[in-house]
Amino acid sequence: MTREEYLATLKSALHSLPETDIADIARDFEEHFSVGLSQGKTEHEISAELGDPVTVASTYFDEGLEDIGHTMKESAASSASANKPAAVTSVISGISGSEGAAKAISPEKDLTGARLFVILLNVLITWWVAITVISTLFSFWCVSVSLLVGGIGSFTALAAAPGDWISVFVLFGMAGILLAVATGILNFFLSKWTVIGSKAYINWNKKLYNEGF
């Protein structure tokens, strides 16, 4: 269920409450979605963690929160900021049995240390490792290309080669091309594994940066 669908269903189920109370409740759940999205979760995952919106809404009425909602409306002008936690606390108590909901309402984790670690790791170590790996792969590919060019060059030189040297040029040409193909295949797999490893490392960085240790 997307954020819009969840909030629409929740508001519909709370229709008998005053509009100001519904707006306060919806705003709190919007904050849960914003926090979850900042942590890399999808809207569907956040919806599942919060629980069924109809069940959540029924908690208000089961706990007698409709009367509280009227009280909130009367005192909103002088104490709006104090009334919102009361409604939020009631919803939380109604869905406290859900592990996902507990996660959604838990205080946001301090990610400063994890993010600093990611930045320093990449600046001080990963950057230099990446330069070394890329340079090594580039030199390997240069060797393969050089072997291929040398092998082809040996065959093109046959026309001008003395008779005694023809077999030598043929041998060098075949050896160069075969070595070029062999090293090219090896370089292909080395490059492929490097790309796969880089993607996995980037995903690990993203998870660590967004979720912490």
N, C-alpha and C. Protein backbone atom coordinates (compact mmCIF):
# COMPACT_ATOMS: atom_id res chain seq x y z
N MET A 1 0.85 -1.18 0.00
CA MET A 1 0.00 0.00 0.00
C MET A 1 0.89 1.24 0.00
N THR A 2 0.63 2.18 -0.88
CA THR A 2 1.43 3.40 -0.96
C THR A 2 1.05 4.35 0.17
N ARG A 3 1.85 5.41 0.33
CA ARG A 3 1.58 6.39 1.39
C ARG A 3 0.22 7.04 1.18
N GLU A 4 -0.06 7.43 -0.07
CA GLU A 4 -1.33 8.10 -0.34
C GLU A 4 -2.52 7.18 -0.03
N GLU A 5 -2.40 5.91 -0.44
CA GLU A 5 -3.48 4.95 -0.19
C GLU A 5 -3.67 4.73 1.31
N TYR A 6 -2.56 4.61 2.03
CA TYR A 6 -2.64 4.36 3.46
C TYR A 6 -3.31 5.52 4.18
N LEU A 7 -2.85 6.74 3.89
CA LEU A 7 -3.40 7.91 4.57
C LEU A 7 -4.86 8.13 4.20
N ALA A 8 -5.21 7.86 2.94
CA ALA A 8 -6.60 8.02 2.52
C ALA A 8 -7.51 7.04 3.26
N THR A 9 -7.04 5.80 3.39
CA THR A 9 -7.84 4.79 4.11
C THR A 9 -7.96 5.16 5.58
N LEU A 10 -6.85 5.63 6.18
CA LEU A 10 -6.87 6.01 7.59
C LEU A 10 -7.82 7.17 7.83
N LYS A 11 -7.76 8.19 6.97
CA LYS A 11 -8.65 9.35 7.13
C LYS A 11 -10.11 8.94 6.97
N SER A 12 -10.35 8.04 6.01
CA SER A 12 -11.73 7.60 5.79
C SER A 12 -12.27 6.87 7.02
N ALA A 13 -11.40 6.04 7.64
CA ALA A 13 -11.83 5.29 8.82
C ALA A 13 -12.03 6.20 10.03
N LEU A 14 -11.37 7.36 10.04
CA LEU A 14 -11.47 8.30 11.16
C LEU A 14 -12.46 9.43 10.88
N HIS A 15 -13.34 9.25 9.90
CA HIS A 15 -14.18 10.34 9.42
C HIS A 15 -15.06 10.95 10.50
N SER A 16 -15.39 10.17 11.54
CA SER A 16 -16.29 10.70 12.57
C SER A 16 -15.57 11.59 13.57
N LEU A 17 -14.25 11.64 13.54
CA LEU A 17 -13.50 12.54 14.41
C LEU A 17 -13.49 13.95 13.81
N PRO A 18 -13.22 14.96 14.62
CA PRO A 18 -13.09 16.33 14.07
C PRO A 18 -11.97 16.39 13.04
N GLU A 19 -12.13 17.27 12.08
CA GLU A 19 -11.15 17.36 10.99
C GLU A 19 -9.77 17.73 11.51
N THR A 20 -9.71 18.57 12.54
CA THR A 20 -8.40 18.97 13.07
C THR A 20 -7.68 17.78 13.68
N ASP A 21 -8.44 16.88 14.35
CA ASP A 21 -7.82 15.71 14.94
C ASP A 21 -7.34 14.74 13.86
N ILE A 22 -8.16 14.59 12.83
CA ILE A 22 -7.77 13.71 11.71
C ILE A 22 -6.50 14.23 11.06
N ALA A 23 -6.43 15.56 10.91
CA ALA A 23 -5.24 16.16 10.29
C ALA A 23 -4.00 15.92 11.14
N ASP A 24 -4.15 16.03 12.48
CA ASP A 24 -3.01 15.79 13.38
C ASP A 24 -2.54 14.35 13.29
N ILE A 25 -3.49 13.43 13.28
CA ILE A 25 -3.14 12.01 13.22
C ILE A 25 -2.47 11.68 11.89
N ALA A 26 -3.05 12.19 10.80
CA ALA A 26 -2.48 11.93 9.47
C ALA A 26 -1.08 12.51 9.35
N ARG A 27 -0.88 13.71 9.93
CA ARG A 27 0.44 14.34 9.87
C ARG A 27 1.49 13.51 10.59
N ASP A 28 1.10 12.90 11.70
CA ASP A 28 2.06 12.06 12.43
C ASP A 28 2.45 10.83 11.60
N PHE A 29 1.46 10.22 10.94
CA PHE A 29 1.78 9.06 10.12
C PHE A 29 2.57 9.45 8.88
N GLU A 30 2.35 10.67 8.38
CA GLU A 30 3.18 11.16 7.27
C GLU A 30 4.64 11.27 7.71
N GLU A 31 4.86 11.67 8.96
CA GLU A 31 6.22 11.77 9.49
C GLU A 31 6.86 10.38 9.54
N HIS A 32 6.08 9.35 9.92
CA HIS A 32 6.59 7.98 9.94
C HIS A 32 7.04 7.56 8.55
N PHE A 33 6.25 7.91 7.56
CA PHE A 33 6.62 7.58 6.17
C PHE A 33 7.90 8.32 5.77
N SER A 34 8.01 9.58 6.14
CA SER A 34 9.20 10.35 5.77
C SER A 34 10.45 9.76 6.41
N VAL A 35 10.35 9.38 7.68
CA VAL A 35 11.49 8.78 8.37
C VAL A 35 11.86 7.45 7.73
N GLY A 36 10.85 6.63 7.44
CA GLY A 36 11.12 5.33 6.83
C GLY A 36 11.75 5.45 5.46
N LEU A 37 11.26 6.40 4.66
CA LEU A 37 11.84 6.61 3.32
C LEU A 37 13.28 7.09 3.41
N SER A 38 13.59 7.92 4.41
CA SER A 38 14.97 8.40 4.57
C SER A 38 15.90 7.27 4.96
N GLN A 39 15.34 6.17 5.51
CA GLN A 39 16.15 5.02 5.90
C GLN A 39 16.22 3.97 4.80
N GLY A 40 15.72 4.29 3.62
CA GLY A 40 15.83 3.39 2.49
C GLY A 40 14.68 2.40 2.35
N LYS A 41 13.62 2.54 3.15
CA LYS A 41 12.49 1.62 3.05
C LYS A 41 11.53 2.09 1.95
N THR A 42 10.73 1.15 1.46
CA THR A 42 9.72 1.50 0.48
C THR A 42 8.42 1.86 1.20
N GLU A 43 7.51 2.51 0.47
CA GLU A 43 6.23 2.88 1.07
C GLU A 43 5.43 1.64 1.47
N HIS A 44 5.56 0.56 0.68
CA HIS A 44 4.84 -0.67 1.01
C HIS A 44 5.37 -1.29 2.30
N GLU A 45 6.70 -1.25 2.48
CA GLU A 45 7.28 -1.80 3.71
C GLU A 45 6.84 -0.98 4.93
N ILE A 46 6.80 0.33 4.79
CA ILE A 46 6.39 1.19 5.90
C ILE A 46 4.92 0.94 6.24
N SER A 47 4.09 0.79 5.21
CA SER A 47 2.67 0.52 5.44
C SER A 47 2.48 -0.78 6.21
N ALA A 48 3.26 -1.81 5.83
CA ALA A 48 3.16 -3.09 6.52
C ALA A 48 3.59 -2.97 7.97
N GLU A 49 4.62 -2.16 8.23
CA GLU A 49 5.10 -1.99 9.61
C GLU A 49 4.08 -1.25 10.47
N LEU A 50 3.41 -0.25 9.91
CA LEU A 50 2.44 0.52 10.68
C LEU A 50 1.18 -0.28 11.00
N GLY A 51 0.86 -1.26 10.14
CA GLY A 51 -0.32 -2.06 10.35
C GLY A 51 -1.50 -1.58 9.51
N ASP A 52 -2.54 -2.37 9.51
CA ASP A 52 -3.72 -2.05 8.71
C ASP A 52 -4.31 -0.72 9.17
N PRO A 53 -4.54 0.24 8.27
CA PRO A 53 -5.03 1.56 8.68
C PRO A 53 -6.41 1.51 9.32
N VAL A 54 -7.26 0.58 8.89
CA VAL A 54 -8.59 0.46 9.49
C VAL A 54 -8.47 0.00 10.93
N THR A 55 -7.56 -0.97 11.17
CA THR A 55 -7.34 -1.46 12.54
C THR A 55 -6.77 -0.36 13.41
N VAL A 56 -5.82 0.40 12.85
CA VAL A 56 -5.24 1.52 13.60
C VAL A 56 -6.32 2.54 13.96
N ALA A 57 -7.17 2.86 13.01
CA ALA A 57 -8.23 3.84 13.26
C ALA A 57 -9.21 3.34 14.32
N SER A 58 -9.51 2.04 14.27
CA SER A 58 -10.45 1.50 15.26
C SER A 58 -9.90 1.59 16.67
N THR A 59 -8.57 1.65 16.80
CA THR A 59 -7.97 1.76 18.12
C THR A 59 -8.39 3.05 18.80
N TYR A 60 -8.54 4.11 18.03
CA TYR A 60 -8.98 5.38 18.60
C TYR A 60 -10.35 5.23 19.27
N PHE A 61 -11.25 4.55 18.57
CA PHE A 61 -12.60 4.42 19.10
C PHE A 61 -12.65 3.39 20.22
N ASP A 62 -11.83 2.32 20.09
CA ASP A 62 -11.80 1.30 21.15
C ASP A 62 -11.30 1.89 22.46
N GLU A 63 -10.36 2.85 22.35
CA GLU A 63 -9.79 3.45 23.55
C GLU A 63 -10.55 4.70 24.00
N GLY A 64 -11.65 4.99 23.33
CA GLY A 64 -12.42 6.16 23.68
C GLY A 64 -11.77 7.45 23.28
N LEU A 65 -10.99 7.41 22.22
CA LEU A 65 -10.23 8.58 21.81
C LEU A 65 -11.09 9.58 21.05
N GLU A 66 -12.30 9.19 20.70
CA GLU A 66 -13.16 10.16 20.03
C GLU A 66 -13.44 11.33 20.96
N ASP A 67 -13.65 11.03 22.27
CA ASP A 67 -13.88 12.09 23.24
C ASP A 67 -12.63 12.93 23.41
N ILE A 68 -11.49 12.25 23.40
CA ILE A 68 -10.23 12.99 23.51
C ILE A 68 -10.08 13.91 22.32
N GLY A 69 -10.49 13.42 21.14
CA GLY A 69 -10.39 14.25 19.95
C GLY A 69 -11.19 15.53 20.09
N HIS A 70 -12.41 15.46 20.70
CA HIS A 70 -13.21 16.67 20.90
C HIS A 70 -12.51 17.62 21.87
N THR A 71 -11.88 17.05 22.89
CA THR A 71 -11.15 17.90 23.84
C THR A 71 -10.00 18.59 23.17
N MET A 72 -9.32 17.86 22.29
CA MET A 72 -8.19 18.44 21.55
C MET A 72 -8.67 19.61 20.69
N LYS A 73 -9.82 19.44 20.07
CA LYS A 73 -10.34 20.49 19.20
C LYS A 73 -10.61 21.76 20.00
N GLU A 74 -11.17 21.61 21.24
CA GLU A 74 -11.53 22.77 22.03
C GLU A 74 -10.30 23.52 22.52
N SER A 75 -9.19 22.77 22.79
CA SER A 75 -8.01 23.41 23.35
C SER A 75 -6.91 23.62 22.32
N ALA A 76 -7.19 23.41 21.03
CA ALA A 76 -6.16 23.48 20.00
C ALA A 76 -5.54 24.86 19.90
N ALA A 77 -6.35 25.90 20.14
CA ALA A 77 -5.84 27.26 19.96
C ALA A 77 -4.72 27.58 20.94
N SER A 78 -4.79 27.00 22.18
CA SER A 78 -3.80 27.33 23.20
C SER A 78 -2.75 26.27 23.42
N SER A 79 -3.04 25.03 23.03
CA SER A 79 -2.09 23.94 23.34
C SER A 79 -2.09 22.88 22.28
N ALA A 80 -1.95 23.28 21.00
CA ALA A 80 -1.99 22.31 19.90
C ALA A 80 -0.82 21.36 19.97
N SER A 81 0.34 21.87 20.32
CA SER A 81 1.53 21.02 20.34
C SER A 81 1.48 19.98 21.44
N ALA A 82 0.75 20.26 22.53
CA ALA A 82 0.66 19.30 23.63
C ALA A 82 -0.38 18.23 23.37
N ASN A 83 -1.40 18.54 22.57
CA ASN A 83 -2.47 17.59 22.32
C ASN A 83 -2.06 16.51 21.34
N LYS A 84 -1.23 16.83 20.40
CA LYS A 84 -0.84 15.86 19.38
C LYS A 84 -0.19 14.62 19.99
N PRO A 85 0.75 14.76 20.95
CA PRO A 85 1.33 13.55 21.54
C PRO A 85 0.31 12.66 22.21
N ALA A 86 -0.78 13.25 22.77
CA ALA A 86 -1.78 12.41 23.42
C ALA A 86 -2.41 11.47 22.41
N ALA A 87 -2.77 12.01 21.24
CA ALA A 87 -3.37 11.16 20.21
C ALA A 87 -2.37 10.14 19.70
N VAL A 88 -1.13 10.59 19.53
CA VAL A 88 -0.10 9.68 19.03
C VAL A 88 0.14 8.54 20.01
N THR A 89 0.19 8.89 21.33
CA THR A 89 0.43 7.86 22.34
C THR A 89 -0.68 6.83 22.34
N SER A 90 -1.92 7.29 22.13
CA SER A 90 -3.03 6.35 22.11
C SER A 90 -2.93 5.39 20.94
N VAL A 91 -2.55 5.91 19.77
CA VAL A 91 -2.40 5.03 18.62
C VAL A 91 -1.30 4.02 18.85
N ILE A 92 -0.21 4.49 19.43
CA ILE A 92 0.92 3.60 19.68
C ILE A 92 0.53 2.48 20.62
N SER A 93 -0.23 2.82 21.69
CA SER A 93 -0.63 1.78 22.63
C SER A 93 -1.57 0.79 21.97
N GLY A 94 -2.34 1.26 20.97
CA GLY A 94 -3.27 0.36 20.31
C GLY A 94 -2.60 -0.63 19.39
N ILE A 95 -1.40 -0.28 18.90
CA ILE A 95 -0.74 -1.17 17.95
C ILE A 95 0.62 -1.62 18.47
N SER A 96 0.80 -1.55 19.80
CA SER A 96 2.10 -1.88 20.38
C SER A 96 2.44 -3.34 20.20
N GLY A 97 1.45 -4.18 19.93
CA GLY A 97 1.74 -5.59 19.71
C GLY A 97 2.41 -5.87 18.39
N SER A 98 2.45 -4.88 17.52
CA SER A 98 3.06 -5.08 16.21
C SER A 98 4.51 -4.67 16.25
N GLU A 99 5.37 -5.59 15.91
CA GLU A 99 6.81 -5.31 15.91
C GLU A 99 7.15 -4.24 14.89
N GLY A 100 6.50 -4.30 13.73
CA GLY A 100 6.78 -3.31 12.70
C GLY A 100 6.39 -1.91 13.15
N ALA A 101 5.25 -1.77 13.83
CA ALA A 101 4.83 -0.47 14.30
C ALA A 101 5.79 0.07 15.34
N ALA A 102 6.32 -0.81 16.18
CA ALA A 102 7.29 -0.38 17.18
C ALA A 102 8.52 0.19 16.53
N LYS A 103 8.93 -0.42 15.44
CA LYS A 103 10.08 0.10 14.71
C LYS A 103 9.79 1.47 14.13
N ALA A 104 8.57 1.62 13.60
CA ALA A 104 8.22 2.86 12.93
C ALA A 104 8.17 4.04 13.88
N ILE A 105 7.82 3.80 15.17
CA ILE A 105 7.67 4.89 16.12
C ILE A 105 8.86 5.02 17.03
N SER A 106 9.87 4.18 16.87
CA SER A 106 11.06 4.26 17.70
C SER A 106 11.86 5.50 17.33
N PRO A 107 12.64 6.02 18.29
CA PRO A 107 13.45 7.21 17.99
C PRO A 107 14.41 6.94 16.84
N GLU A 108 14.65 7.96 16.06
CA GLU A 108 15.53 7.80 14.91
C GLU A 108 16.95 7.54 15.37
N LYS A 109 17.58 6.57 14.76
CA LYS A 109 18.94 6.19 15.13
C LYS A 109 19.93 7.28 14.74
N ASP A 110 20.92 7.47 15.60
CA ASP A 110 21.98 8.43 15.29
C ASP A 110 22.93 7.81 14.27
N LEU A 111 22.95 8.37 13.08
CA LEU A 111 23.75 7.82 11.99
C LEU A 111 25.06 8.58 11.77
N THR A 112 25.37 9.50 12.66
CA THR A 112 26.57 10.33 12.44
C THR A 112 27.83 9.49 12.35
N GLY A 113 28.00 8.56 13.29
CA GLY A 113 29.20 7.74 13.30
C GLY A 113 29.33 6.88 12.06
N ALA A 114 28.22 6.25 11.65
CA ALA A 114 28.26 5.37 10.48
C ALA A 114 28.55 6.18 9.21
N ARG A 115 27.94 7.34 9.09
CA ARG A 115 28.16 8.16 7.89
C ARG A 115 29.58 8.71 7.84
N LEU A 116 30.11 9.07 9.01
CA LEU A 116 31.50 9.54 9.05
C LEU A 116 32.45 8.42 8.67
N PHE A 117 32.14 7.20 9.13
CA PHE A 117 32.96 6.04 8.80
C PHE A 117 32.97 5.80 7.29
N VAL A 118 31.80 5.87 6.67
CA VAL A 118 31.69 5.64 5.22
C VAL A 118 32.50 6.68 4.45
N ILE A 119 32.37 7.93 4.87
CA ILE A 119 33.10 9.00 4.16
C ILE A 119 34.60 8.84 4.29
N LEU A 120 35.08 8.60 5.51
CA LEU A 120 36.52 8.45 5.72
C LEU A 120 37.06 7.20 5.04
N LEU A 121 36.30 6.12 5.07
CA LEU A 121 36.73 4.88 4.42
C LEU A 121 36.95 5.09 2.93
N ASN A 122 36.01 5.78 2.30
CA ASN A 122 36.12 5.98 0.85
C ASN A 122 37.20 7.00 0.48
N VAL A 123 37.33 8.05 1.30
CA VAL A 123 38.32 9.08 0.99
C VAL A 123 39.75 8.59 1.25
N LEU A 124 39.94 7.88 2.37
CA LEU A 124 41.29 7.50 2.78
C LEU A 124 41.76 6.19 2.18
N ILE A 125 40.85 5.26 1.89
CA ILE A 125 41.27 3.93 1.45
C ILE A 125 40.68 3.55 0.10
N THR A 126 39.34 3.55 0.02
CA THR A 126 38.67 3.01 -1.18
C THR A 126 39.06 3.76 -2.44
N TRP A 127 39.22 5.07 -2.35
CA TRP A 127 39.58 5.87 -3.51
C TRP A 127 40.88 5.40 -4.13
N TRP A 128 41.87 5.15 -3.29
CA TRP A 128 43.18 4.74 -3.79
C TRP A 128 43.16 3.30 -4.30
N VAL A 129 42.38 2.46 -3.63
CA VAL A 129 42.23 1.08 -4.11
C VAL A 129 41.57 1.07 -5.48
N ALA A 130 40.55 1.91 -5.66
CA ALA A 130 39.85 1.97 -6.94
C ALA A 130 40.78 2.43 -8.05
N ILE A 131 41.61 3.44 -7.77
CA ILE A 131 42.56 3.92 -8.78
C ILE A 131 43.54 2.80 -9.16
N THR A 132 44.01 2.06 -8.16
CA THR A 132 44.96 0.97 -8.43
C THR A 132 44.32 -0.13 -9.27
N VAL A 133 43.10 -0.51 -8.92
CA VAL A 133 42.42 -1.58 -9.65
C VAL A 133 42.14 -1.16 -11.10
N ILE A 134 41.64 0.06 -11.27
CA ILE A 134 41.33 0.54 -12.62
C ILE A 134 42.60 0.64 -13.46
N SER A 135 43.68 1.14 -12.86
CA SER A 135 44.95 1.26 -13.59
C SER A 135 45.48 -0.11 -13.99
N THR A 136 45.34 -1.08 -13.09
CA THR A 136 45.82 -2.44 -13.39
C THR A 136 45.01 -3.06 -14.52
N LEU A 137 43.69 -2.92 -14.45
CA LEU A 137 42.86 -3.46 -15.53
C LEU A 137 43.17 -2.79 -16.86
N PHE A 138 43.37 -1.49 -16.83
CA PHE A 138 43.69 -0.77 -18.06
C PHE A 138 45.01 -1.27 -18.66
N SER A 139 46.01 -1.50 -17.81
CA SER A 139 47.30 -2.01 -18.32
C SER A 139 47.15 -3.42 -18.88
N PHE A 140 46.32 -4.24 -18.24
CA PHE A 140 46.08 -5.59 -18.76
C PHE A 140 45.45 -5.54 -20.15
N TRP A 141 44.46 -4.66 -20.30
CA TRP A 141 43.82 -4.54 -21.61
C TRP A 141 44.80 -3.99 -22.66
N CYS A 142 45.68 -3.11 -22.24
CA CYS A 142 46.70 -2.60 -23.16
C CYS A 142 47.63 -3.72 -23.64
N VAL A 143 47.97 -4.62 -22.72
CA VAL A 143 48.81 -5.76 -23.10
C VAL A 143 48.09 -6.63 -24.14
N SER A 144 46.80 -6.90 -23.91
CA SER A 144 46.04 -7.72 -24.86
C SER A 144 45.98 -7.06 -26.23
N VAL A 145 45.73 -5.76 -26.24
CA VAL A 145 45.66 -5.04 -27.52
C VAL A 145 47.02 -5.05 -28.20
N SER A 146 48.08 -4.87 -27.44
CA SER A 146 49.43 -4.87 -28.02
C SER A 146 49.77 -6.22 -28.63
N LEU A 147 49.40 -7.30 -27.95
CA LEU A 147 49.64 -8.63 -28.49
C LEU A 147 48.87 -8.85 -29.78
N LEU A 148 47.61 -8.38 -29.79
CA LEU A 148 46.80 -8.53 -30.99
C LEU A 148 47.39 -7.73 -32.16
N VAL A 149 47.79 -6.50 -31.88
CA VAL A 149 48.38 -5.66 -32.93
C VAL A 149 49.69 -6.27 -33.41
N GLY A 150 50.49 -6.79 -32.47
CA GLY A 150 51.74 -7.41 -32.87
C GLY A 150 51.54 -8.66 -33.71
N GLY A 151 50.54 -9.46 -33.34
CA GLY A 151 50.26 -10.67 -34.12
C GLY A 151 49.80 -10.35 -35.52
N ILE A 152 48.90 -9.37 -35.63
CA ILE A 152 48.43 -8.98 -36.95
C ILE A 152 49.57 -8.36 -37.76
N GLY A 153 50.42 -7.59 -37.08
CA GLY A 153 51.55 -6.99 -37.76
C GLY A 153 52.52 -8.02 -38.32
N SER A 154 52.67 -9.13 -37.60
CA SER A 154 53.56 -10.19 -38.08
C SER A 154 53.04 -10.78 -39.38
N PHE A 155 51.73 -10.95 -39.48
CA PHE A 155 51.16 -11.50 -40.72
C PHE A 155 51.26 -10.49 -41.87
N THR A 156 51.07 -9.21 -41.56
CA THR A 156 51.17 -8.21 -42.63
C THR A 156 52.60 -8.06 -43.14
N ALA A 157 53.57 -8.45 -42.30
CA ALA A 157 54.97 -8.32 -42.70
C ALA A 157 55.45 -9.51 -43.54
N LEU A 158 54.60 -10.50 -43.75
CA LEU A 158 55.01 -11.69 -44.51
C LEU A 158 55.39 -11.34 -45.95
N ALA A 159 54.68 -10.36 -46.51
CA ALA A 159 54.94 -10.02 -47.92
C ALA A 159 56.37 -9.52 -48.13
N ALA A 160 56.89 -8.83 -47.11
CA ALA A 160 58.23 -8.26 -47.25
C ALA A 160 59.31 -9.10 -46.59
N ALA A 161 58.94 -10.21 -45.96
CA ALA A 161 59.90 -11.03 -45.22
C ALA A 161 60.68 -11.94 -46.16
N PRO A 162 61.96 -12.17 -45.87
CA PRO A 162 62.73 -13.15 -46.66
C PRO A 162 62.14 -14.54 -46.50
N GLY A 163 62.42 -15.41 -47.41
CA GLY A 163 61.84 -16.75 -47.38
C GLY A 163 62.14 -17.51 -46.11
N ASP A 164 63.35 -17.34 -45.58
CA ASP A 164 63.70 -18.08 -44.36
C ASP A 164 62.97 -17.57 -43.13
N TRP A 165 62.44 -16.35 -43.19
CA TRP A 165 61.80 -15.74 -42.03
C TRP A 165 60.27 -15.86 -42.06
N ILE A 166 59.74 -16.41 -43.12
CA ILE A 166 58.26 -16.49 -43.22
C ILE A 166 57.68 -17.31 -42.07
N SER A 167 58.27 -18.48 -41.84
CA SER A 167 57.75 -19.34 -40.77
C SER A 167 57.86 -18.67 -39.40
N VAL A 168 58.91 -17.89 -39.21
CA VAL A 168 59.08 -17.19 -37.93
C VAL A 168 57.98 -16.14 -37.74
N PHE A 169 57.71 -15.38 -38.83
CA PHE A 169 56.67 -14.36 -38.74
C PHE A 169 55.29 -15.00 -38.53
N VAL A 170 55.05 -16.13 -39.18
CA VAL A 170 53.77 -16.84 -38.98
C VAL A 170 53.64 -17.31 -37.54
N LEU A 171 54.74 -17.87 -37.01
CA LEU A 171 54.71 -18.35 -35.63
C LEU A 171 54.45 -17.21 -34.65
N PHE A 172 55.16 -16.10 -34.84
CA PHE A 172 54.96 -14.95 -33.96
C PHE A 172 53.54 -14.38 -34.11
N GLY A 173 53.04 -14.35 -35.32
CA GLY A 173 51.69 -13.83 -35.55
C GLY A 173 50.64 -14.67 -34.86
N MET A 174 50.73 -16.00 -35.01
CA MET A 174 49.76 -16.89 -34.35
C MET A 174 49.87 -16.81 -32.84
N ALA A 175 51.12 -16.79 -32.34
CA ALA A 175 51.31 -16.71 -30.89
C ALA A 175 50.75 -15.40 -30.33
N GLY A 176 50.99 -14.31 -31.04
CA GLY A 176 50.48 -13.02 -30.57
C GLY A 176 48.96 -12.97 -30.53
N ILE A 177 48.31 -13.48 -31.57
CA ILE A 177 46.85 -13.47 -31.61
C ILE A 177 46.26 -14.39 -30.54
N LEU A 178 46.84 -15.58 -30.39
CA LEU A 178 46.33 -16.51 -29.37
C LEU A 178 46.50 -15.94 -27.97
N LEU A 179 47.65 -15.34 -27.70
CA LEU A 179 47.86 -14.72 -26.39
C LEU A 179 46.92 -13.55 -26.18
N ALA A 180 46.66 -12.80 -27.24
CA ALA A 180 45.73 -11.68 -27.13
C ALA A 180 44.32 -12.15 -26.78
N VAL A 181 43.90 -13.24 -27.44
CA VAL A 181 42.57 -13.80 -27.14
C VAL A 181 42.51 -14.32 -25.71
N ALA A 182 43.55 -15.06 -25.28
CA ALA A 182 43.56 -15.64 -23.94
C ALA A 182 43.55 -14.55 -22.87
N THR A 183 44.43 -13.56 -23.03
CA THR A 183 44.46 -12.49 -22.03
C THR A 183 43.21 -11.62 -22.09
N GLY A 184 42.62 -11.48 -23.30
CA GLY A 184 41.37 -10.73 -23.41
C GLY A 184 40.23 -11.39 -22.65
N ILE A 185 40.16 -12.73 -22.74
CA ILE A 185 39.12 -13.46 -21.99
C ILE A 185 39.33 -13.27 -20.49
N LEU A 186 40.59 -13.39 -20.06
CA LEU A 186 40.89 -13.21 -18.64
C LEU A 186 40.54 -11.79 -18.20
N ASN A 187 40.89 -10.81 -19.02
CA ASN A 187 40.58 -9.42 -18.68
C ASN A 187 39.08 -9.17 -18.62
N PHE A 188 38.34 -9.85 -19.50
CA PHE A 188 36.88 -9.69 -19.50
C PHE A 188 36.30 -10.13 -18.15
N PHE A 189 36.72 -11.30 -17.68
CA PHE A 189 36.19 -11.80 -16.41
C PHE A 189 36.69 -10.96 -15.23
N LEU A 190 37.94 -10.50 -15.30
CA LEU A 190 38.44 -9.62 -14.24
C LEU A 190 37.62 -8.33 -14.18
N SER A 191 37.31 -7.78 -15.35
CA SER A 191 36.50 -6.56 -15.40
C SER A 191 35.08 -6.81 -14.89
N LYS A 192 34.52 -7.96 -15.28
CA LYS A 192 33.16 -8.30 -14.84
C LYS A 192 33.11 -8.45 -13.33
N TRP A 193 34.08 -9.17 -12.75
CA TRP A 193 34.10 -9.35 -11.30
C TRP A 193 34.33 -8.02 -10.58
N THR A 194 35.11 -7.16 -11.20
CA THR A 194 35.34 -5.84 -10.61
C THR A 194 34.04 -5.03 -10.56
N VAL A 195 33.27 -5.08 -11.64
CA VAL A 195 32.00 -4.35 -11.69
C VAL A 195 31.02 -4.92 -10.65
N ILE A 196 30.94 -6.26 -10.57
CA ILE A 196 30.04 -6.90 -9.59
C ILE A 196 30.45 -6.52 -8.16
N GLY A 197 31.76 -6.60 -7.90
CA GLY A 197 32.23 -6.24 -6.57
C GLY A 197 31.99 -4.78 -6.23
N SER A 198 32.15 -3.91 -7.24
CA SER A 198 31.92 -2.48 -7.02
C SER A 198 30.46 -2.20 -6.69
N LYS A 199 29.53 -2.87 -7.41
CA LYS A 199 28.11 -2.68 -7.14
C LYS A 199 27.76 -3.14 -5.72
N ALA A 200 28.30 -4.31 -5.32
CA ALA A 200 28.04 -4.81 -3.98
C ALA A 200 28.60 -3.86 -2.92
N TYR A 201 29.78 -3.31 -3.18
CA TYR A 201 30.39 -2.37 -2.23
C TYR A 201 29.57 -1.09 -2.13
N ILE A 202 29.09 -0.60 -3.27
CA ILE A 202 28.28 0.63 -3.25
C ILE A 202 26.98 0.40 -2.49
N ASN A 203 26.34 -0.77 -2.70
CA ASN A 203 25.10 -1.07 -1.98
C ASN A 203 25.35 -1.17 -0.47
N TRP A 204 26.50 -1.76 -0.10
CA TRP A 204 26.86 -1.85 1.32
C TRP A 204 27.06 -0.46 1.91
N ASN A 205 27.70 0.43 1.14
CA ASN A 205 27.89 1.81 1.58
C ASN A 205 26.56 2.51 1.79
N LYS A 206 25.63 2.32 0.84
CA LYS A 206 24.32 2.96 0.96
C LYS A 206 23.57 2.47 2.20
N LYS A 207 23.61 1.15 2.41
CA LYS A 207 22.90 0.58 3.57
C LYS A 207 23.51 1.09 4.87
N LEU A 208 24.83 1.11 4.94
CA LEU A 208 25.50 1.58 6.15
C LEU A 208 25.24 3.06 6.37
N TYR A 209 25.22 3.85 5.29
CA TYR A 209 25.00 5.29 5.39
C TYR A 209 23.58 5.61 5.83
N ASN A 210 22.60 4.82 5.35
CA ASN A 210 21.19 5.10 5.65
C ASN A 210 20.68 4.43 6.92
N GLU A 211 21.28 3.27 7.29
CA GLU A 211 20.76 2.51 8.42
C GLU A 211 21.73 2.43 9.59
N GLY A 212 23.00 2.75 9.36
CA GLY A 212 23.97 2.70 10.45
C GLY A 212 24.52 1.30 10.67
N PHE A 213 25.29 1.15 11.71
CA PHE A 213 25.93 -0.14 12.01
C PHE A 213 24.91 -1.16 12.50
